[in-house]
Amino acid sequence: MKLEIGQNIDNTRVRLNFRKGDYRPNYMPSYEINATKADEFVSKYNEQSSKLKKVTLLSVIISTIFGGIIGSSLKGKFWLPTGIITGIFAGLGIGAAISSNKKNKLMDEYGVKQFQAK
């Protein structure tokens, strides 16, 4: 999903919406931003989103490898699959935390707020 500029809220603010795709959650919040900063923010947000997907994938791969190594060093057949599965979940958690932090910093930098219909 990508972020795109929506309709004007007033003379100085515009609404930001997520472009609908194959994956649509039940609730997807809209945001508002100063109209003069909207193009730059959307461009940076979408570029960052693409990079953060790669970071998450890399963290899953690295965590899975470490989980497998740790699991294989322990005695018993049970530990290797447990280490791999734990590594996958750890990698997803790390990737999600990094993504959330980076996106929140970018939104704070541009003064983006959740849209509240009045």
PDB file of N, CA and C in Angstrom:
ATOM      1  N   MET A   1       0.839  -1.173   0.000  1.00  0.00           N
ATOM      2  CA  MET A   1       0.000   0.000   0.000  1.00  0.00           C
ATOM      3  C   MET A   1       0.885   1.237   0.000  1.00  0.00           C
ATOM      4  N   LYS A   2       0.471   2.202  -0.750  1.00  0.00           N
ATOM      5  CA  LYS A   2       1.209   3.453  -0.829  1.00  0.00           C
ATOM      6  C   LYS A   2       0.343   4.593  -0.335  1.00  0.00           C
ATOM      7  N   LEU A   3       1.001   5.597   0.160  1.00  0.00           N
ATOM      8  CA  LEU A   3       0.322   6.794   0.628  1.00  0.00           C
ATOM      9  C   LEU A   3       0.158   7.736  -0.549  1.00  0.00           C
ATOM     10  N   GLU A   4      -1.004   8.402  -0.641  1.00  0.00           N
ATOM     11  CA  GLU A   4      -1.232   9.365  -1.726  1.00  0.00           C
ATOM     12  C   GLU A   4      -1.994  10.572  -1.178  1.00  0.00           C
ATOM     13  N   ILE A   5      -1.890  11.669  -1.893  1.00  0.00           N
ATOM     14  CA  ILE A   5      -2.552  12.908  -1.498  1.00  0.00           C
ATOM     15  C   ILE A   5      -4.021  12.825  -1.898  1.00  0.00           C
ATOM     16  N   GLY A   6      -4.900  13.125  -0.947  1.00  0.00           N
ATOM     17  CA  GLY A   6      -6.334  13.095  -1.190  1.00  0.00           C
ATOM     18  C   GLY A   6      -6.884  14.497  -1.391  1.00  0.00           C
ATOM     19  N   GLN A   7      -8.134  14.689  -0.989  1.00  0.00           N
ATOM     20  CA  GLN A   7      -8.812  15.970  -1.196  1.00  0.00           C
ATOM     21  C   GLN A   7      -8.336  17.023  -0.195  1.00  0.00           C
ATOM     22  N   ASN A   8      -8.622  18.284  -0.528  1.00  0.00           N
ATOM     23  CA  ASN A   8      -8.285  19.400   0.361  1.00  0.00           C
ATOM     24  C   ASN A   8      -9.229  19.407   1.552  1.00  0.00           C
ATOM     25  N   ILE A   9      -8.672  19.690   2.730  1.00  0.00           N
ATOM     26  CA  ILE A   9      -9.486  19.846   3.930  1.00  0.00           C
ATOM     27  C   ILE A   9      -9.912  21.300   4.038  1.00  0.00           C
ATOM     28  N   ASP A  10      -8.968  22.192   3.855  1.00  0.00           N
ATOM     29  CA  ASP A  10      -9.223  23.629   3.800  1.00  0.00           C
ATOM     30  C   ASP A  10      -8.141  24.250   2.921  1.00  0.00           C
ATOM     31  N   ASN A  11      -7.930  25.553   3.010  1.00  0.00           N
ATOM     32  CA  ASN A  11      -6.963  26.220   2.132  1.00  0.00           C
ATOM     33  C   ASN A  11      -5.514  25.836   2.416  1.00  0.00           C
ATOM     34  N   THR A  12      -5.229  25.353   3.624  1.00  0.00           N
ATOM     35  CA  THR A  12      -3.838  25.076   3.976  1.00  0.00           C
ATOM     36  C   THR A  12      -3.528  23.603   4.210  1.00  0.00           C
ATOM     37  N   ARG A  13      -4.522  22.771   4.359  1.00  0.00           N
ATOM     38  CA  ARG A  13      -4.289  21.365   4.681  1.00  0.00           C
ATOM     39  C   ARG A  13      -4.928  20.440   3.658  1.00  0.00           C
ATOM     40  N   VAL A  14      -4.268  19.294   3.431  1.00  0.00           N
ATOM     41  CA  VAL A  14      -4.809  18.253   2.559  1.00  0.00           C
ATOM     42  C   VAL A  14      -4.878  16.938   3.331  1.00  0.00           C
ATOM     43  N   ARG A  15      -5.669  16.042   2.813  1.00  0.00           N
ATOM     44  CA  ARG A  15      -5.835  14.724   3.435  1.00  0.00           C
ATOM     45  C   ARG A  15      -4.909  13.728   2.741  1.00  0.00           C
ATOM     46  N   LEU A  16      -4.293  12.855   3.515  1.00  0.00           N
ATOM     47  CA  LEU A  16      -3.450  11.794   2.981  1.00  0.00           C
ATOM     48  C   LEU A  16      -4.165  10.467   3.173  1.00  0.00           C
ATOM     49  N   ASN A  17      -4.232   9.664   2.120  1.00  0.00           N
ATOM     50  CA  ASN A  17      -4.909   8.373   2.172  1.00  0.00           C
ATOM     51  C   ASN A  17      -3.977   7.283   1.673  1.00  0.00           C
ATOM     52  N   PHE A  18      -4.211   6.069   2.129  1.00  0.00           N
ATOM     53  CA  PHE A  18      -3.477   4.937   1.600  1.00  0.00           C
ATOM     54  C   PHE A  18      -4.189   4.443   0.356  1.00  0.00           C
ATOM     55  N   ARG A  19      -3.420   4.205  -0.709  1.00  0.00           N
ATOM     56  CA  ARG A  19      -3.977   3.707  -1.959  1.00  0.00           C
ATOM     57  C   ARG A  19      -4.456   2.285  -1.740  1.00  0.00           C
ATOM     58  N   LYS A  20      -5.638   2.008  -2.188  1.00  0.00           N
ATOM     59  CA  LYS A  20      -6.202   0.676  -2.026  1.00  0.00           C
ATOM     60  C   LYS A  20      -5.505  -0.292  -2.971  1.00  0.00           C
ATOM     61  N   GLY A  21      -5.227  -1.453  -2.455  1.00  0.00           N
ATOM     62  CA  GLY A  21      -4.603  -2.493  -3.253  1.00  0.00           C
ATOM     63  C   GLY A  21      -5.266  -3.815  -2.972  1.00  0.00           C
ATOM     64  N   ASP A  22      -4.558  -4.878  -3.242  1.00  0.00           N
ATOM     65  CA  ASP A  22      -5.101  -6.211  -2.993  1.00  0.00           C
ATOM     66  C   ASP A  22      -5.320  -6.443  -1.507  1.00  0.00           C
ATOM     67  N   TYR A  23      -4.464  -5.846  -0.694  1.00  0.00           N
ATOM     68  CA  TYR A  23      -4.553  -6.021   0.755  1.00  0.00           C
ATOM     69  C   TYR A  23      -5.187  -4.775   1.350  1.00  0.00           C
ATOM     70  N   ARG A  24      -6.363  -4.936   1.942  1.00  0.00           N
ATOM     71  CA  ARG A  24      -7.035  -3.809   2.568  1.00  0.00           C
ATOM     72  C   ARG A  24      -7.502  -4.200   3.962  1.00  0.00           C
ATOM     73  N   PRO A  25      -6.908  -3.615   4.996  1.00  0.00           N
ATOM     74  CA  PRO A  25      -7.408  -3.905   6.334  1.00  0.00           C
ATOM     75  C   PRO A  25      -8.782  -3.281   6.532  1.00  0.00           C
ATOM     76  N   ASN A  26      -9.480  -3.708   7.553  1.00  0.00           N
ATOM     77  CA  ASN A  26     -10.821  -3.184   7.810  1.00  0.00           C
ATOM     78  C   ASN A  26     -10.795  -1.693   8.105  1.00  0.00           C
ATOM     79  N   TYR A  27      -9.765  -1.247   8.781  1.00  0.00           N
ATOM     80  CA  TYR A  27      -9.683   0.172   9.131  1.00  0.00           C
ATOM     81  C   TYR A  27      -8.306   0.690   8.770  1.00  0.00           C
ATOM     82  N   MET A  28      -8.248   1.730   7.985  1.00  0.00           N
ATOM     83  CA  MET A  28      -6.989   2.346   7.619  1.00  0.00           C
ATOM     84  C   MET A  28      -7.133   3.833   7.859  1.00  0.00           C
ATOM     85  N   PRO A  29      -6.393   4.396   8.805  1.00  0.00           N
ATOM     86  CA  PRO A  29      -6.572   5.813   9.136  1.00  0.00           C
ATOM     87  C   PRO A  29      -6.115   6.735   8.010  1.00  0.00           C
ATOM     88  N   SER A  30      -6.731   7.894   7.935  1.00  0.00           N
ATOM     89  CA  SER A  30      -6.300   8.950   7.034  1.00  0.00           C
ATOM     90  C   SER A  30      -5.545   9.975   7.862  1.00  0.00           C
ATOM     91  N   TYR A  31      -4.724  10.733   7.204  1.00  0.00           N
ATOM     92  CA  TYR A  31      -3.904  11.729   7.893  1.00  0.00           C
ATOM     93  C   TYR A  31      -4.078  13.080   7.231  1.00  0.00           C
ATOM     94  N   GLU A  32      -3.654  14.133   7.928  1.00  0.00           N
ATOM     95  CA  GLU A  32      -3.680  15.472   7.350  1.00  0.00           C
ATOM     96  C   GLU A  32      -2.308  16.107   7.487  1.00  0.00           C
ATOM     97  N   ILE A  33      -1.985  16.961   6.508  1.00  0.00           N
ATOM     98  CA  ILE A  33      -0.688  17.618   6.460  1.00  0.00           C
ATOM     99  C   ILE A  33      -0.864  18.977   5.792  1.00  0.00           C
ATOM    100  N   ASN A  34       0.064  19.864   6.062  1.00  0.00           N
ATOM    101  CA  ASN A  34       0.096  21.167   5.407  1.00  0.00           C
ATOM    102  C   ASN A  34       0.273  20.930   3.896  1.00  0.00           C
ATOM    103  N   ALA A  35      -0.514  21.593   3.091  1.00  0.00           N
ATOM    104  CA  ALA A  35      -0.523  21.356   1.642  1.00  0.00           C
ATOM    105  C   ALA A  35       0.839  21.611   0.998  1.00  0.00           C
ATOM    106  N   THR A  36       1.622  22.545   1.536  1.00  0.00           N
ATOM    107  CA  THR A  36       2.920  22.860   0.933  1.00  0.00           C
ATOM    108  C   THR A  36       3.946  21.753   1.148  1.00  0.00           C
ATOM    109  N   LYS A  37       3.737  20.907   2.143  1.00  0.00           N
ATOM    110  CA  LYS A  37       4.688  19.840   2.455  1.00  0.00           C
ATOM    111  C   LYS A  37       4.221  18.475   1.949  1.00  0.00           C
ATOM    112  N   ALA A  38       3.028  18.385   1.413  1.00  0.00           N
ATOM    113  CA  ALA A  38       2.411  17.095   1.090  1.00  0.00           C
ATOM    114  C   ALA A  38       3.197  16.293   0.054  1.00  0.00           C
ATOM    115  N   ASP A  39       3.569  16.904  -1.065  1.00  0.00           N
ATOM    116  CA  ASP A  39       4.271  16.168  -2.122  1.00  0.00           C
ATOM    117  C   ASP A  39       5.594  15.590  -1.624  1.00  0.00           C
ATOM    118  N   GLU A  40       6.359  16.413  -0.927  1.00  0.00           N
ATOM    119  CA  GLU A  40       7.657  15.967  -0.420  1.00  0.00           C
ATOM    120  C   GLU A  40       7.491  14.830   0.596  1.00  0.00           C
ATOM    121  N   PHE A  41       6.512  14.972   1.498  1.00  0.00           N
ATOM    122  CA  PHE A  41       6.289  13.945   2.507  1.00  0.00           C
ATOM    123  C   PHE A  41       5.873  12.629   1.874  1.00  0.00           C
ATOM    124  N   VAL A  42       4.913  12.646   0.957  1.00  0.00           N
ATOM    125  CA  VAL A  42       4.430  11.412   0.329  1.00  0.00           C
ATOM    126  C   VAL A  42       5.573  10.713  -0.402  1.00  0.00           C
ATOM    127  N   SER A  43       6.397  11.479  -1.092  1.00  0.00           N
ATOM    128  CA  SER A  43       7.535  10.913  -1.806  1.00  0.00           C
ATOM    129  C   SER A  43       8.499  10.227  -0.837  1.00  0.00           C
ATOM    130  N   LYS A  44       8.853  10.914   0.242  1.00  0.00           N
ATOM    131  CA  LYS A  44       9.779  10.341   1.229  1.00  0.00           C
ATOM    132  C   LYS A  44       9.163   9.145   1.942  1.00  0.00           C
ATOM    133  N   TYR A  45       7.884   9.229   2.274  1.00  0.00           N
ATOM    134  CA  TYR A  45       7.210   8.139   2.985  1.00  0.00           C
ATOM    135  C   TYR A  45       7.201   6.865   2.153  1.00  0.00           C
ATOM    136  N   ASN A  46       6.832   6.981   0.880  1.00  0.00           N
ATOM    137  CA  ASN A  46       6.758   5.808   0.012  1.00  0.00           C
ATOM    138  C   ASN A  46       8.146   5.223  -0.262  1.00  0.00           C
ATOM    139  N   GLU A  47       9.151   6.088  -0.411  1.00  0.00           N
ATOM    140  CA  GLU A  47      10.523   5.617  -0.610  1.00  0.00           C
ATOM    141  C   GLU A  47      11.010   4.889   0.649  1.00  0.00           C
ATOM    142  N   GLN A  48      10.749   5.470   1.802  1.00  0.00           N
ATOM    143  CA  GLN A  48      11.158   4.862   3.068  1.00  0.00           C
ATOM    144  C   GLN A  48      10.433   3.539   3.288  1.00  0.00           C
ATOM    145  N   SER A  49       9.177   3.462   2.929  1.00  0.00           N
ATOM    146  CA  SER A  49       8.393   2.241   3.102  1.00  0.00           C
ATOM    147  C   SER A  49       9.015   1.088   2.316  1.00  0.00           C
ATOM    148  N   SER A  50       9.459   1.367   1.122  1.00  0.00           N
ATOM    149  CA  SER A  50      10.103   0.349   0.295  1.00  0.00           C
ATOM    150  C   SER A  50      11.392  -0.139   0.944  1.00  0.00           C
ATOM    151  N   LYS A  51      12.188   0.784   1.462  1.00  0.00           N
ATOM    152  CA  LYS A  51      13.446   0.413   2.113  1.00  0.00           C
ATOM    153  C   LYS A  51      13.193  -0.375   3.392  1.00  0.00           C
ATOM    154  N   LEU A  52      12.167   0.007   4.142  1.00  0.00           N
ATOM    155  CA  LEU A  52      11.889  -0.666   5.411  1.00  0.00           C
ATOM    156  C   LEU A  52      11.402  -2.098   5.211  1.00  0.00           C
ATOM    157  N   LYS A  53      10.756  -2.376   4.093  1.00  0.00           N
ATOM    158  CA  LYS A  53      10.375  -3.761   3.793  1.00  0.00           C
ATOM    159  C   LYS A  53      11.626  -4.614   3.624  1.00  0.00           C
ATOM    160  N   LYS A  54      12.645  -4.064   2.973  1.00  0.00           N
ATOM    161  CA  LYS A  54      13.904  -4.781   2.787  1.00  0.00           C
ATOM    162  C   LYS A  54      14.620  -4.980   4.119  1.00  0.00           C
ATOM    163  N   VAL A  55      14.582  -3.973   4.987  1.00  0.00           N
ATOM    164  CA  VAL A  55      15.198  -4.091   6.311  1.00  0.00           C
ATOM    165  C   VAL A  55      14.511  -5.188   7.118  1.00  0.00           C
ATOM    166  N   THR A  56      13.192  -5.245   7.059  1.00  0.00           N
ATOM    167  CA  THR A  56      12.451  -6.280   7.779  1.00  0.00           C
ATOM    168  C   THR A  56      12.807  -7.667   7.255  1.00  0.00           C
ATOM    169  N   LEU A  57      12.872  -7.829   5.956  1.00  0.00           N
ATOM    170  CA  LEU A  57      13.241  -9.116   5.367  1.00  0.00           C
ATOM    171  C   LEU A  57      14.646  -9.521   5.803  1.00  0.00           C
ATOM    172  N   LEU A  58      15.570  -8.579   5.780  1.00  0.00           N
ATOM    173  CA  LEU A  58      16.939  -8.861   6.197  1.00  0.00           C
ATOM    174  C   LEU A  58      16.997  -9.246   7.674  1.00  0.00           C
ATOM    175  N   SER A  59      16.245  -8.564   8.515  1.00  0.00           N
ATOM    176  CA  SER A  59      16.259  -8.906   9.945  1.00  0.00           C
ATOM    177  C   SER A  59      15.664 -10.292  10.183  1.00  0.00           C
ATOM    178  N   VAL A  60      14.660 -10.687   9.405  1.00  0.00           N
ATOM    179  CA  VAL A  60      14.088 -12.029   9.527  1.00  0.00           C
ATOM    180  C   VAL A  60      15.121 -13.079   9.130  1.00  0.00           C
ATOM    181  N   ILE A  61      15.816 -12.843   8.033  1.00  0.00           N
ATOM    182  CA  ILE A  61      16.823 -13.801   7.560  1.00  0.00           C
ATOM    183  C   ILE A  61      17.940 -13.961   8.585  1.00  0.00           C
ATOM    184  N   ILE A  62      18.473 -12.849   9.074  1.00  0.00           N
ATOM    185  CA  ILE A  62      19.574 -12.901  10.042  1.00  0.00           C
ATOM    186  C   ILE A  62      19.130 -13.559  11.345  1.00  0.00           C
ATOM    187  N   SER A  63      17.960 -13.188  11.842  1.00  0.00           N
ATOM    188  CA  SER A  63      17.460 -13.782  13.084  1.00  0.00           C
ATOM    189  C   SER A  63      17.188 -15.277  12.923  1.00  0.00           C
ATOM    190  N   THR A  64      16.698 -15.682  11.767  1.00  0.00           N
ATOM    191  CA  THR A  64      16.444 -17.101  11.513  1.00  0.00           C
ATOM    192  C   THR A  64      17.744 -17.891  11.501  1.00  0.00           C
ATOM    193  N   ILE A  65      18.766 -17.331  10.879  1.00  0.00           N
ATOM    194  CA  ILE A  65      20.068 -18.000  10.850  1.00  0.00           C
ATOM    195  C   ILE A  65      20.621 -18.147  12.266  1.00  0.00           C
ATOM    196  N   PHE A  66      20.591 -17.058  13.037  1.00  0.00           N
ATOM    197  CA  PHE A  66      21.076 -17.143  14.414  1.00  0.00           C
ATOM    198  C   PHE A  66      20.241 -18.104  15.248  1.00  0.00           C
ATOM    199  N   GLY A  67      18.943 -18.074  15.071  1.00  0.00           N
ATOM    200  CA  GLY A  67      18.079 -19.006  15.785  1.00  0.00           C
ATOM    201  C   GLY A  67      18.383 -20.448  15.431  1.00  0.00           C
ATOM    202  N   GLY A  68      18.657 -20.711  14.160  1.00  0.00           N
ATOM    203  CA  GLY A  68      19.022 -22.056  13.717  1.00  0.00           C
ATOM    204  C   GLY A  68      20.358 -22.499  14.282  1.00  0.00           C
ATOM    205  N   ILE A  69      21.313 -21.588  14.311  1.00  0.00           N
ATOM    206  CA  ILE A  69      22.636 -21.921  14.867  1.00  0.00           C
ATOM    207  C   ILE A  69      22.525 -22.240  16.356  1.00  0.00           C
ATOM    208  N   ILE A  70      21.814 -21.393  17.068  1.00  0.00           N
ATOM    209  CA  ILE A  70      21.640 -21.630  18.510  1.00  0.00           C
ATOM    210  C   ILE A  70      20.873 -22.923  18.746  1.00  0.00           C
ATOM    211  N   GLY A  71      19.809 -23.139  17.972  1.00  0.00           N
ATOM    212  CA  GLY A  71      19.017 -24.360  18.124  1.00  0.00           C
ATOM    213  C   GLY A  71      19.796 -25.619  17.797  1.00  0.00           C
ATOM    214  N   SER A  72      20.689 -25.549  16.799  1.00  0.00           N
ATOM    215  CA  SER A  72      21.463 -26.738  16.424  1.00  0.00           C
ATOM    216  C   SER A  72      22.565 -27.040  17.434  1.00  0.00           C
ATOM    217  N   SER A  73      22.987 -26.041  18.178  1.00  0.00           N
ATOM    218  CA  SER A  73      24.035 -26.279  19.171  1.00  0.00           C
ATOM    219  C   SER A  73      23.485 -26.936  20.441  1.00  0.00           C
ATOM    220  N   LEU A  74      22.183 -26.888  20.634  1.00  0.00           N
ATOM    221  CA  LEU A  74      21.558 -27.526  21.789  1.00  0.00           C
ATOM    222  C   LEU A  74      21.238 -28.982  21.458  1.00  0.00           C
ATOM    223  N   LYS A  75      21.211 -29.810  22.467  1.00  0.00           N
ATOM    224  CA  LYS A  75      20.961 -31.240  22.257  1.00  0.00           C
ATOM    225  C   LYS A  75      19.467 -31.497  22.096  1.00  0.00           C
ATOM    226  N   GLY A  76      19.135 -32.361  21.171  1.00  0.00           N
ATOM    227  CA  GLY A  76      17.745 -32.748  20.957  1.00  0.00           C
ATOM    228  C   GLY A  76      17.217 -32.238  19.626  1.00  0.00           C
ATOM    229  N   LYS A  77      16.326 -33.011  19.022  1.00  0.00           N
ATOM    230  CA  LYS A  77      15.735 -32.660  17.732  1.00  0.00           C
ATOM    231  C   LYS A  77      14.752 -31.504  17.835  1.00  0.00           C
ATOM    232  N   PHE A  78      14.251 -31.276  19.002  1.00  0.00           N
ATOM    233  CA  PHE A  78      13.244 -30.245  19.237  1.00  0.00           C
ATOM    234  C   PHE A  78      13.794 -28.828  19.098  1.00  0.00           C
ATOM    235  N   TRP A  79      15.069 -28.621  19.403  1.00  0.00           N
ATOM    236  CA  TRP A  79      15.619 -27.273  19.517  1.00  0.00           C
ATOM    237  C   TRP A  79      15.885 -26.581  18.183  1.00  0.00           C
ATOM    238  N   LEU A  80      16.279 -27.304  17.155  1.00  0.00           N
ATOM    239  CA  LEU A  80      16.545 -26.666  15.859  1.00  0.00           C
ATOM    240  C   LEU A  80      15.296 -26.005  15.281  1.00  0.00           C
ATOM    241  N   PRO A  81      14.165 -26.704  15.145  1.00  0.00           N
ATOM    242  CA  PRO A  81      12.970 -26.020  14.629  1.00  0.00           C
ATOM    243  C   PRO A  81      12.493 -24.900  15.550  1.00  0.00           C
ATOM    244  N   THR A  82      12.648 -25.110  16.862  1.00  0.00           N
ATOM    245  CA  THR A  82      12.249 -24.070  17.811  1.00  0.00           C
ATOM    246  C   THR A  82      13.108 -22.817  17.631  1.00  0.00           C
ATOM    247  N   GLY A  83      14.413 -23.004  17.439  1.00  0.00           N
ATOM    248  CA  GLY A  83      15.314 -21.876  17.215  1.00  0.00           C
ATOM    249  C   GLY A  83      14.995 -21.126  15.939  1.00  0.00           C
ATOM    250  N   ILE A  84      14.671 -21.857  14.880  1.00  0.00           N
ATOM    251  CA  ILE A  84      14.338 -21.229  13.597  1.00  0.00           C
ATOM    252  C   ILE A  84      13.032 -20.440  13.707  1.00  0.00           C
ATOM    253  N   ILE A  85      12.024 -21.050  14.311  1.00  0.00           N
ATOM    254  CA  ILE A  85      10.728 -20.365  14.452  1.00  0.00           C
ATOM    255  C   ILE A  85      10.858 -19.132  15.347  1.00  0.00           C
ATOM    256  N   THR A  86      11.605 -19.267  16.426  1.00  0.00           N
ATOM    257  CA  THR A  86      11.841 -18.120  17.313  1.00  0.00           C
ATOM    258  C   THR A  86      12.588 -17.012  16.569  1.00  0.00           C
ATOM    259  N   GLY A  87      13.553 -17.398  15.739  1.00  0.00           N
ATOM    260  CA  GLY A  87      14.299 -16.419  14.945  1.00  0.00           C
ATOM    261  C   GLY A  87      13.415 -15.668  13.970  1.00  0.00           C
ATOM    262  N   ILE A  88      12.479 -16.358  13.341  1.00  0.00           N
ATOM    263  CA  ILE A  88      11.546 -15.717  12.406  1.00  0.00           C
ATOM    264  C   ILE A  88      10.707 -14.667  13.125  1.00  0.00           C
ATOM    265  N   PHE A  89      10.132 -15.065  14.276  1.00  0.00           N
ATOM    266  CA  PHE A  89       9.308 -14.116  15.023  1.00  0.00           C
ATOM    267  C   PHE A  89      10.123 -12.943  15.567  1.00  0.00           C
ATOM    268  N   ALA A  90      11.345 -13.219  15.996  1.00  0.00           N
ATOM    269  CA  ALA A  90      12.207 -12.141  16.494  1.00  0.00           C
ATOM    270  C   ALA A  90      12.534 -11.166  15.362  1.00  0.00           C
ATOM    271  N   GLY A  91      12.835 -11.702  14.196  1.00  0.00           N
ATOM    272  CA  GLY A  91      13.142 -10.843  13.046  1.00  0.00           C
ATOM    273  C   GLY A  91      11.962  -9.985  12.637  1.00  0.00           C
ATOM    274  N   LEU A  92      10.762 -10.565  12.655  1.00  0.00           N
ATOM    275  CA  LEU A  92       9.561  -9.784  12.334  1.00  0.00           C
ATOM    276  C   LEU A  92       9.333  -8.688  13.372  1.00  0.00           C
ATOM    277  N   GLY A  93       9.554  -9.019  14.634  1.00  0.00           N
ATOM    278  CA  GLY A  93       9.391  -8.018  15.695  1.00  0.00           C
ATOM    279  C   GLY A  93      10.384  -6.888  15.574  1.00  0.00           C
ATOM    280  N   ILE A  94      11.635  -7.224  15.309  1.00  0.00           N
ATOM    281  CA  ILE A  94      12.676  -6.202  15.148  1.00  0.00           C
ATOM    282  C   ILE A  94      12.355  -5.318  13.943  1.00  0.00           C
ATOM    283  N   GLY A  95      11.994  -5.937  12.820  1.00  0.00           N
ATOM    284  CA  GLY A  95      11.652  -5.174  11.615  1.00  0.00           C
ATOM    285  C   GLY A  95      10.465  -4.256  11.829  1.00  0.00           C
ATOM    286  N   ALA A  96       9.447  -4.752  12.529  1.00  0.00           N
ATOM    287  CA  ALA A  96       8.261  -3.932  12.795  1.00  0.00           C
ATOM    288  C   ALA A  96       8.601  -2.758  13.714  1.00  0.00           C
ATOM    289  N   ALA A  97       9.441  -2.984  14.701  1.00  0.00           N
ATOM    290  CA  ALA A  97       9.833  -1.911  15.616  1.00  0.00           C
ATOM    291  C   ALA A  97      10.627  -0.826  14.889  1.00  0.00           C
ATOM    292  N   ILE A  98      11.556  -1.235  14.049  1.00  0.00           N
ATOM    293  CA  ILE A  98      12.352  -0.269  13.284  1.00  0.00           C
ATOM    294  C   ILE A  98      11.450   0.516  12.339  1.00  0.00           C
ATOM    295  N   SER A  99      10.555  -0.164  11.634  1.00  0.00           N
ATOM    296  CA  SER A  99       9.649   0.499  10.693  1.00  0.00           C
ATOM    297  C   SER A  99       8.758   1.514  11.401  1.00  0.00           C
ATOM    298  N   SER A 100       8.182   1.111  12.502  1.00  0.00           N
ATOM    299  CA  SER A 100       7.298   2.000  13.250  1.00  0.00           C
ATOM    300  C   SER A 100       8.044   3.244  13.732  1.00  0.00           C
ATOM    301  N   ASN A 101       9.237   3.044  14.247  1.00  0.00           N
ATOM    302  CA  ASN A 101      10.040   4.161  14.741  1.00  0.00           C
ATOM    303  C   ASN A 101      10.386   5.145  13.615  1.00  0.00           C
ATOM    304  N   LYS A 102      10.844   4.629  12.489  1.00  0.00           N
ATOM    305  CA  LYS A 102      11.229   5.490  11.363  1.00  0.00           C
ATOM    306  C   LYS A 102      10.029   6.246  10.792  1.00  0.00           C
ATOM    307  N   LYS A 103       8.894   5.570  10.650  1.00  0.00           N
ATOM    308  CA  LYS A 103       7.706   6.223  10.100  1.00  0.00           C
ATOM    309  C   LYS A 103       7.175   7.294  11.057  1.00  0.00           C
ATOM    310  N   ASN A 104       7.193   7.009  12.345  1.00  0.00           N
ATOM    311  CA  ASN A 104       6.741   8.006  13.316  1.00  0.00           C
ATOM    312  C   ASN A 104       7.643   9.235  13.326  1.00  0.00           C
ATOM    313  N   LYS A 105       8.955   9.036  13.203  1.00  0.00           N
ATOM    314  CA  LYS A 105       9.885  10.180  13.146  1.00  0.00           C
ATOM    315  C   LYS A 105       9.599  11.040  11.918  1.00  0.00           C
ATOM    316  N   LEU A 106       9.384  10.394  10.774  1.00  0.00           N
ATOM    317  CA  LEU A 106       9.100  11.138   9.538  1.00  0.00           C
ATOM    318  C   LEU A 106       7.794  11.911   9.659  1.00  0.00           C
ATOM    319  N   MET A 107       6.781  11.294  10.250  1.00  0.00           N
ATOM    320  CA  MET A 107       5.492  11.969  10.410  1.00  0.00           C
ATOM    321  C   MET A 107       5.608  13.148  11.382  1.00  0.00           C
ATOM    322  N   ASP A 108       6.380  13.004  12.430  1.00  0.00           N
ATOM    323  CA  ASP A 108       6.598  14.109  13.369  1.00  0.00           C
ATOM    324  C   ASP A 108       7.370  15.248  12.706  1.00  0.00           C
ATOM    325  N   GLU A 109       8.350  14.893  11.882  1.00  0.00           N
ATOM    326  CA  GLU A 109       9.165  15.897  11.187  1.00  0.00           C
ATOM    327  C   GLU A 109       8.313  16.784  10.274  1.00  0.00           C
ATOM    328  N   TYR A 110       7.301  16.214   9.633  1.00  0.00           N
ATOM    329  CA  TYR A 110       6.457  16.962   8.706  1.00  0.00           C
ATOM    330  C   TYR A 110       5.136  17.431   9.325  1.00  0.00           C
ATOM    331  N   GLY A 111       4.932  17.173  10.588  1.00  0.00           N
ATOM    332  CA  GLY A 111       3.717  17.639  11.262  1.00  0.00           C
ATOM    333  C   GLY A 111       2.457  16.943  10.791  1.00  0.00           C
ATOM    334  N   VAL A 112       2.556  15.658  10.476  1.00  0.00           N
ATOM    335  CA  VAL A 112       1.402  14.888  10.014  1.00  0.00           C
ATOM    336  C   VAL A 112       0.593  14.438  11.236  1.00  0.00           C
ATOM    337  N   LYS A 113      -0.716  14.632  11.167  1.00  0.00           N
ATOM    338  CA  LYS A 113      -1.611  14.247  12.250  1.00  0.00           C
ATOM    339  C   LYS A 113      -2.719  13.370  11.682  1.00  0.00           C
ATOM    340  N   GLN A 114      -3.275  12.519  12.540  1.00  0.00           N
ATOM    341  CA  GLN A 114      -4.391  11.691  12.103  1.00  0.00           C
ATOM    342  C   GLN A 114      -5.596  12.578  11.822  1.00  0.00           C
ATOM    343  N   PHE A 115      -6.282  12.312  10.705  1.00  0.00           N
ATOM    344  CA  PHE A 115      -7.420  13.096  10.291  1.00  0.00           C
ATOM    345  C   PHE A 115      -8.626  12.776  11.168  1.00  0.00           C
ATOM    346  N   GLN A 116      -9.242  13.789  11.700  1.00  0.00           N
ATOM    347  CA  GLN A 116     -10.459  13.638  12.505  1.00  0.00           C
ATOM    348  C   GLN A 116     -11.590  14.359  11.787  1.00  0.00           C
ATOM    349  N   ALA A 117     -12.550  13.629  11.279  1.00  0.00           N
ATOM    350  CA  ALA A 117     -13.697  14.246  10.605  1.00  0.00           C
ATOM    351  C   ALA A 117     -14.524  15.000  11.632  1.00  0.00           C
ATOM    352  N   LYS A 118     -14.973  16.172  11.234  1.00  0.00           N
ATOM    353  CA  LYS A 118     -15.728  17.024  12.167  1.00  0.00           C
ATOM    354  C   LYS A 118     -17.166  17.085  11.794  1.00  0.00           C
TER     355      LYS A 118
END
